[in-house]
Amino acid sequence: MTFVEVQKTMISMKAPKTKKRFVNVIPKSSKAKNRFINQMDSLHAMEVEQENDSQLFVVSINRRYCFWISKEGNEHWEIVK
């Protein structure tokens, strides 16, 4: 097998890209407001990396802060559509 053939085979074996899902969050508690300003650069959008029946694992756009949050929100964060 030539190098070009190997390269074509590797390209065809790559997994298809999936569309990223995002949610917006609003800080409610003083602790969340502090994280929002100092670690999330005041950006509301969060990428959803994992999901189960009741929770989302979200990562800030700048990749500096992440957490599990209930799909209903919690005392620190509100999820907005």
C-alpha atoms as a PDB file:
ATOM      1  CA  MET A   1       0.000   0.000   0.000  1.00  0.00           C
ATOM      2  CA  THR A   2       1.405   3.395  -0.934  1.00  0.00           C
ATOM      3  CA  PHE A   3       1.492   6.410   1.346  1.00  0.00           C
ATOM      4  CA  VAL A   4      -1.322   8.070  -0.605  1.00  0.00           C
ATOM      5  CA  GLU A   5      -3.524   4.970  -0.290  1.00  0.00           C
ATOM      6  CA  VAL A   6      -2.878   4.822   3.458  1.00  0.00           C
ATOM      7  CA  GLN A   7      -3.734   8.497   3.765  1.00  0.00           C
ATOM      8  CA  LYS A   8      -7.010   8.055   1.853  1.00  0.00           C
ATOM      9  CA  THR A   9      -7.935   5.086   4.045  1.00  0.00           C
ATOM     10  CA  MET A  10      -7.277   7.084   7.223  1.00  0.00           C
ATOM     11  CA  ILE A  11      -9.392   9.978   5.973  1.00  0.00           C
ATOM     12  CA  SER A  12     -12.304   7.668   5.184  1.00  0.00           C
ATOM     13  CA  MET A  13     -12.077   6.101   8.674  1.00  0.00           C
ATOM     14  CA  LYS A  14     -12.532   9.417  10.551  1.00  0.00           C
ATOM     15  CA  ALA A  15     -15.708   9.692  12.579  1.00  0.00           C
ATOM     16  CA  PRO A  16     -18.276  12.141  11.253  1.00  0.00           C
ATOM     17  CA  LYS A  17     -18.395  15.453  13.096  1.00  0.00           C
ATOM     18  CA  THR A  18     -21.402  16.023  15.311  1.00  0.00           C
ATOM     19  CA  LYS A  19     -22.969  19.416  15.785  1.00  0.00           C
ATOM     20  CA  LYS A  20     -22.074  21.047  19.090  1.00  0.00           C
ATOM     21  CA  ARG A  21     -24.917  21.936  21.416  1.00  0.00           C
ATOM     22  CA  PHE A  22     -24.914  25.141  23.440  1.00  0.00           C
ATOM     23  CA  VAL A  23     -27.020  26.548  26.269  1.00  0.00           C
ATOM     24  CA  ASN A  24     -26.959  29.991  27.847  1.00  0.00           C
ATOM     25  CA  VAL A  25     -26.678  30.420  31.592  1.00  0.00           C
ATOM     26  CA  ILE A  26     -27.371  33.365  33.889  1.00  0.00           C
ATOM     27  CA  PRO A  27     -25.638  33.534  37.279  1.00  0.00           C
ATOM     28  CA  LYS A  28     -27.987  33.879  40.260  1.00  0.00           C
ATOM     29  CA  SER A  29     -25.817  33.582  43.393  1.00  0.00           C
ATOM     30  CA  SER A  30     -22.867  35.783  44.327  1.00  0.00           C
ATOM     31  CA  LYS A  31     -20.550  32.762  43.917  1.00  0.00           C
ATOM     32  CA  ALA A  32     -21.869  32.152  40.383  1.00  0.00           C
ATOM     33  CA  LYS A  33     -21.590  35.859  39.521  1.00  0.00           C
ATOM     34  CA  ASN A  34     -17.954  35.784  40.638  1.00  0.00           C
ATOM     35  CA  ARG A  35     -17.230  32.708  38.454  1.00  0.00           C
ATOM     36  CA  PHE A  36     -19.131  34.295  35.563  1.00  0.00           C
ATOM     37  CA  ILE A  37     -16.985  37.430  35.614  1.00  0.00           C
ATOM     38  CA  ASN A  38     -13.585  36.030  36.613  1.00  0.00           C
ATOM     39  CA  GLN A  39     -13.478  32.624  34.926  1.00  0.00           C
ATOM     40  CA  MET A  40     -16.076  32.765  32.147  1.00  0.00           C
ATOM     41  CA  ASP A  41     -15.195  36.274  30.873  1.00  0.00           C
ATOM     42  CA  SER A  42     -18.902  37.233  31.249  1.00  0.00           C
ATOM     43  CA  LEU A  43     -19.892  34.957  28.337  1.00  0.00           C
ATOM     44  CA  HIS A  44     -23.294  33.307  28.783  1.00  0.00           C
ATOM     45  CA  ALA A  45     -22.918  30.502  26.209  1.00  0.00           C
ATOM     46  CA  MET A  46     -21.811  27.095  27.457  1.00  0.00           C
ATOM     47  CA  GLU A  47     -21.035  24.020  25.362  1.00  0.00           C
ATOM     48  CA  VAL A  48     -22.854  20.862  26.438  1.00  0.00           C
ATOM     49  CA  GLU A  49     -20.290  18.051  26.593  1.00  0.00           C
ATOM     50  CA  GLN A  50     -22.370  15.385  28.348  1.00  0.00           C
ATOM     51  CA  GLU A  51     -26.017  14.861  29.136  1.00  0.00           C
ATOM     52  CA  ASN A  52     -28.053  12.414  31.173  1.00  0.00           C
ATOM     53  CA  ASP A  53     -31.738  12.297  32.119  1.00  0.00           C
ATOM     54  CA  SER A  54     -31.585  15.172  34.592  1.00  0.00           C
ATOM     55  CA  GLN A  55     -28.262  16.998  34.164  1.00  0.00           C
ATOM     56  CA  LEU A  56     -25.962  18.689  31.661  1.00  0.00           C
ATOM     57  CA  PHE A  57     -22.183  18.898  31.893  1.00  0.00           C
ATOM     58  CA  VAL A  58     -21.321  22.317  30.465  1.00  0.00           C
ATOM     59  CA  VAL A  59     -18.021  23.997  29.606  1.00  0.00           C
ATOM     60  CA  SER A  60     -17.515  27.725  29.192  1.00  0.00           C
ATOM     61  CA  ILE A  61     -16.640  29.079  25.763  1.00  0.00           C
ATOM     62  CA  ASN A  62     -13.157  30.037  26.962  1.00  0.00           C
ATOM     63  CA  ARG A  63     -12.733  26.458  28.348  1.00  0.00           C
ATOM     64  CA  ARG A  64     -11.762  27.753  31.821  1.00  0.00           C
ATOM     65  CA  TYR A  65     -14.847  26.710  33.796  1.00  0.00           C
ATOM     66  CA  CYS A  66     -17.101  23.653  33.733  1.00  0.00           C
ATOM     67  CA  PHE A  67     -19.804  22.145  35.924  1.00  0.00           C
ATOM     68  CA  TRP A  68     -22.796  19.801  36.104  1.00  0.00           C
ATOM     69  CA  ILE A  69     -26.137  21.579  36.190  1.00  0.00           C
ATOM     70  CA  SER A  70     -29.673  20.274  36.528  1.00  0.00           C
ATOM     71  CA  LYS A  71     -31.752  20.748  33.389  1.00  0.00           C
ATOM     72  CA  GLU A  72     -34.115  22.753  35.599  1.00  0.00           C
ATOM     73  CA  GLY A  73     -31.298  25.028  36.791  1.00  0.00           C
ATOM     74  CA  ASN A  74     -30.228  25.360  40.438  1.00  0.00           C
ATOM     75  CA  GLU A  75     -29.674  27.948  43.164  1.00  0.00           C
ATOM     76  CA  HIS A  76     -26.534  29.239  41.425  1.00  0.00           C
ATOM     77  CA  TRP A  77     -27.411  29.177  37.698  1.00  0.00           C
ATOM     78  CA  GLU A  78     -30.448  29.592  35.476  1.00  0.00           C
ATOM     79  CA  ILE A  79     -30.550  27.982  32.030  1.00  0.00           C
ATOM     80  CA  VAL A  80     -32.115  30.142  29.317  1.00  0.00           C
ATOM     81  CA  LYS A  81     -33.032  28.926  25.853  1.00  0.00           C
END
